[in-house]
Each structure stands twice: as C-alpha cells, then as structure tokens.
C-alpha cells in the first residue's frame, strides 16, 4: 500500500513541476490553454510510453494478465497520443 501511495505522490509531483511555471503569472484563459497544452502534448504521451514499458515488463516476466496489460497500454497510447486530436474534435463540435 505504501508503494502505491509513493508512486501516486511521485506522479503528482512530476505533474506539478511540469505545470507550475506556466500557471504562475497567467490569466485564467491562458492558464487553461497552457494546462491543455501540457497535458495533451507532454504528460499523456509520457504516461502512454510508461504504460507500454510496464506492459512489456509484465509480458516478459510471464504475468498471467500480460495480454490485458498490453491491451490497456495500447488503448492508453491511442488516447495519449491522439489526445490533441480528440480535444480539437470536441472543441470544433461544441463551437
């Protein structure tokens, strides 16, 4: 349980370090645009690659759920690398 909490803390710390400089002296709209750009351009693709790496480790260690991990990692990559296109599609649909 402690390792999960430490992992969650590390992820939140990395996200915070990536976002704090852009949000320091900005208005609301520019802050939200910067947040969207960091999330869709940096954080989601990095998490997608980490997911693929963890699924590969799961596969190579012979885990029983390796196929499920790979499927989740592939879906994560689709959303992670396609997130900007998804956001653009939704914003065009709403406007």
C-alpha atoms as a PDB file:
ATOM      1  CA  UNK A   1       0.000   0.000   0.000  1.00  0.00           C
ATOM      2  CA  UNK A   2       2.851   2.355   0.815  1.00  0.00           C
ATOM      3  CA  UNK A   3       4.474   1.848  -2.602  1.00  0.00           C
ATOM      4  CA  UNK A   4       1.202   2.755  -4.348  1.00  0.00           C
ATOM      5  CA  UNK A   5       0.977   5.918  -2.288  1.00  0.00           C
ATOM      6  CA  UNK A   6       4.596   6.785  -3.069  1.00  0.00           C
ATOM      7  CA  UNK A   7       4.001   6.158  -6.776  1.00  0.00           C
ATOM      8  CA  UNK A   8       0.921   8.393  -6.744  1.00  0.00           C
ATOM      9  CA  UNK A   9       2.878  11.095  -4.906  1.00  0.00           C
ATOM     10  CA  UNK A  10       5.699  10.877  -7.464  1.00  0.00           C
ATOM     11  CA  UNK A  11       3.269  11.207 -10.385  1.00  0.00           C
ATOM     12  CA  UNK A  12       1.531  14.190  -8.797  1.00  0.00           C
ATOM     13  CA  UNK A  13       4.912  15.787  -8.071  1.00  0.00           C
ATOM     14  CA  UNK A  14       6.032  15.397 -11.695  1.00  0.00           C
ATOM     15  CA  UNK A  15       2.746  16.814 -12.975  1.00  0.00           C
ATOM     16  CA  UNK A  16       3.027  19.716 -10.540  1.00  0.00           C
ATOM     17  CA  UNK A  17       6.597  20.519 -11.601  1.00  0.00           C
ATOM     18  CA  UNK A  18       5.538  20.460 -15.259  1.00  0.00           C
ATOM     19  CA  UNK A  19       2.564  22.786 -14.731  1.00  0.00           C
ATOM     20  CA  UNK A  20       3.591  25.279 -12.046  1.00  0.00           C
ATOM     21  CA  UNK A  21       5.869  27.534 -14.159  1.00  0.00           C
ATOM     22  CA  UNK A  22       3.187  28.059 -16.796  1.00  0.00           C
ATOM     23  CA  UNK A  23       0.472  28.860 -14.261  1.00  0.00           C
ATOM     24  CA  UNK A  24       2.470  31.261 -12.100  1.00  0.00           C
ATOM     25  CA  UNK A  25       1.724  34.607 -13.761  1.00  0.00           C
ATOM     26  CA  UNK A  26      -1.083  33.970 -16.202  1.00  0.00           C
ATOM     27  CA  UNK A  27      -4.746  34.789 -16.614  1.00  0.00           C
ATOM     28  CA  UNK A  28      -7.446  32.156 -16.410  1.00  0.00           C
ATOM     29  CA  UNK A  29      -7.813  31.570 -20.151  1.00  0.00           C
ATOM     30  CA  UNK A  30      -4.096  31.404 -20.841  1.00  0.00           C
ATOM     31  CA  UNK A  31      -3.668  29.139 -17.807  1.00  0.00           C
ATOM     32  CA  UNK A  32      -6.261  26.717 -19.142  1.00  0.00           C
ATOM     33  CA  UNK A  33      -4.709  26.763 -22.612  1.00  0.00           C
ATOM     34  CA  UNK A  34      -1.282  26.112 -21.087  1.00  0.00           C
ATOM     35  CA  UNK A  35      -2.705  23.307 -18.956  1.00  0.00           C
ATOM     36  CA  UNK A  36      -4.330  21.708 -22.007  1.00  0.00           C
ATOM     37  CA  UNK A  37      -1.143  22.014 -23.994  1.00  0.00           C
ATOM     38  CA  UNK A  38       0.994  20.438 -21.234  1.00  0.00           C
ATOM     39  CA  UNK A  39      -1.477  17.613 -20.663  1.00  0.00           C
ATOM     40  CA  UNK A  40      -2.029  16.734 -24.315  1.00  0.00           C
ATOM     41  CA  UNK A  41       1.482  17.450 -25.540  1.00  0.00           C
ATOM     42  CA  UNK A  42       3.722  16.179 -22.757  1.00  0.00           C
ATOM     43  CA  UNK A  43       2.123  14.342 -19.870  1.00  0.00           C
ATOM     44  CA  UNK A  44      -0.289  11.992 -21.672  1.00  0.00           C
ATOM     45  CA  UNK A  45       2.285  10.765 -24.221  1.00  0.00           C
ATOM     46  CA  UNK A  46       4.843  10.201 -21.443  1.00  0.00           C
ATOM     47  CA  UNK A  47       2.306   8.212 -19.429  1.00  0.00           C
ATOM     48  CA  UNK A  48       1.464   6.221 -22.567  1.00  0.00           C
ATOM     49  CA  UNK A  49       5.091   5.237 -23.069  1.00  0.00           C
ATOM     50  CA  UNK A  50       5.390   4.315 -19.381  1.00  0.00           C
ATOM     51  CA  UNK A  51       2.275   2.139 -19.750  1.00  0.00           C
ATOM     52  CA  UNK A  52       3.750   0.337 -22.757  1.00  0.00           C
ATOM     53  CA  UNK A  53       7.002  -0.226 -20.842  1.00  0.00           C
ATOM     54  CA  UNK A  54       5.153  -1.639 -17.841  1.00  0.00           C
ATOM     55  CA  UNK A  55       3.060  -3.899 -20.093  1.00  0.00           C
ATOM     56  CA  UNK A  56       6.236  -5.145 -21.767  1.00  0.00           C
ATOM     57  CA  UNK A  57       7.795  -5.901 -18.385  1.00  0.00           C
ATOM     58  CA  UNK A  58       4.610  -7.719 -17.405  1.00  0.00           C
ATOM     59  CA  UNK A  59       4.771  -9.753 -20.616  1.00  0.00           C
ATOM     60  CA  UNK A  60       8.446 -10.644 -20.276  1.00  0.00           C
ATOM     61  CA  UNK A  61       8.093 -11.681 -16.642  1.00  0.00           C
ATOM     62  CA  UNK A  62       5.307 -14.110 -17.584  1.00  0.00           C
ATOM     63  CA  UNK A  63       2.453 -12.428 -15.773  1.00  0.00           C
ATOM     64  CA  UNK A  64      -0.920 -14.138 -16.249  1.00  0.00           C
ATOM     65  CA  UNK A  65      -2.620 -10.820 -17.093  1.00  0.00           C
ATOM     66  CA  UNK A  66       0.017  -9.668 -19.607  1.00  0.00           C
ATOM     67  CA  UNK A  67      -2.388  -9.671 -22.563  1.00  0.00           C
ATOM     68  CA  UNK A  68      -4.815  -7.492 -20.623  1.00  0.00           C
ATOM     69  CA  UNK A  69      -1.986  -5.130 -19.638  1.00  0.00           C
ATOM     70  CA  UNK A  70      -0.901  -4.827 -23.267  1.00  0.00           C
ATOM     71  CA  UNK A  71      -4.483  -4.107 -24.366  1.00  0.00           C
ATOM     72  CA  UNK A  72      -4.792  -1.392 -21.720  1.00  0.00           C
ATOM     73  CA  UNK A  73      -1.427   0.080 -22.713  1.00  0.00           C
ATOM     74  CA  UNK A  74      -2.422   0.190 -26.388  1.00  0.00           C
ATOM     75  CA  UNK A  75      -5.702   1.899 -25.513  1.00  0.00           C
ATOM     76  CA  UNK A  76      -3.751   4.336 -23.334  1.00  0.00           C
ATOM     77  CA  UNK A  77      -1.421   5.101 -26.241  1.00  0.00           C
ATOM     78  CA  UNK A  78      -4.370   5.720 -28.535  1.00  0.00           C
ATOM     79  CA  UNK A  79      -5.774   8.219 -26.064  1.00  0.00           C
ATOM     80  CA  UNK A  80      -2.378   9.611 -25.037  1.00  0.00           C
ATOM     81  CA  UNK A  81      -1.004  10.288 -28.498  1.00  0.00           C
ATOM     82  CA  UNK A  82      -4.394  11.109 -30.010  1.00  0.00           C
ATOM     83  CA  UNK A  83      -5.477  13.360 -27.162  1.00  0.00           C
ATOM     84  CA  UNK A  84      -4.815  16.597 -29.040  1.00  0.00           C
ATOM     85  CA  UNK A  85      -6.942  15.411 -31.968  1.00  0.00           C
ATOM     86  CA  UNK A  86      -9.696  14.321 -29.573  1.00  0.00           C
ATOM     87  CA  UNK A  87      -9.665  17.712 -27.814  1.00  0.00           C
ATOM     88  CA  UNK A  88      -9.692  19.569 -31.144  1.00  0.00           C
ATOM     89  CA  UNK A  89     -12.595  17.441 -32.417  1.00  0.00           C
ATOM     90  CA  UNK A  90     -14.662  18.067 -29.285  1.00  0.00           C
ATOM     91  CA  UNK A  91     -13.941  21.820 -29.324  1.00  0.00           C
ATOM     92  CA  UNK A  92     -14.946  22.064 -33.002  1.00  0.00           C
ATOM     93  CA  UNK A  93     -18.136  20.108 -32.310  1.00  0.00           C
ATOM     94  CA  UNK A  94     -19.110  22.345 -29.380  1.00  0.00           C
ATOM     95  CA  UNK A  95     -18.394  25.617 -31.181  1.00  0.00           C
END
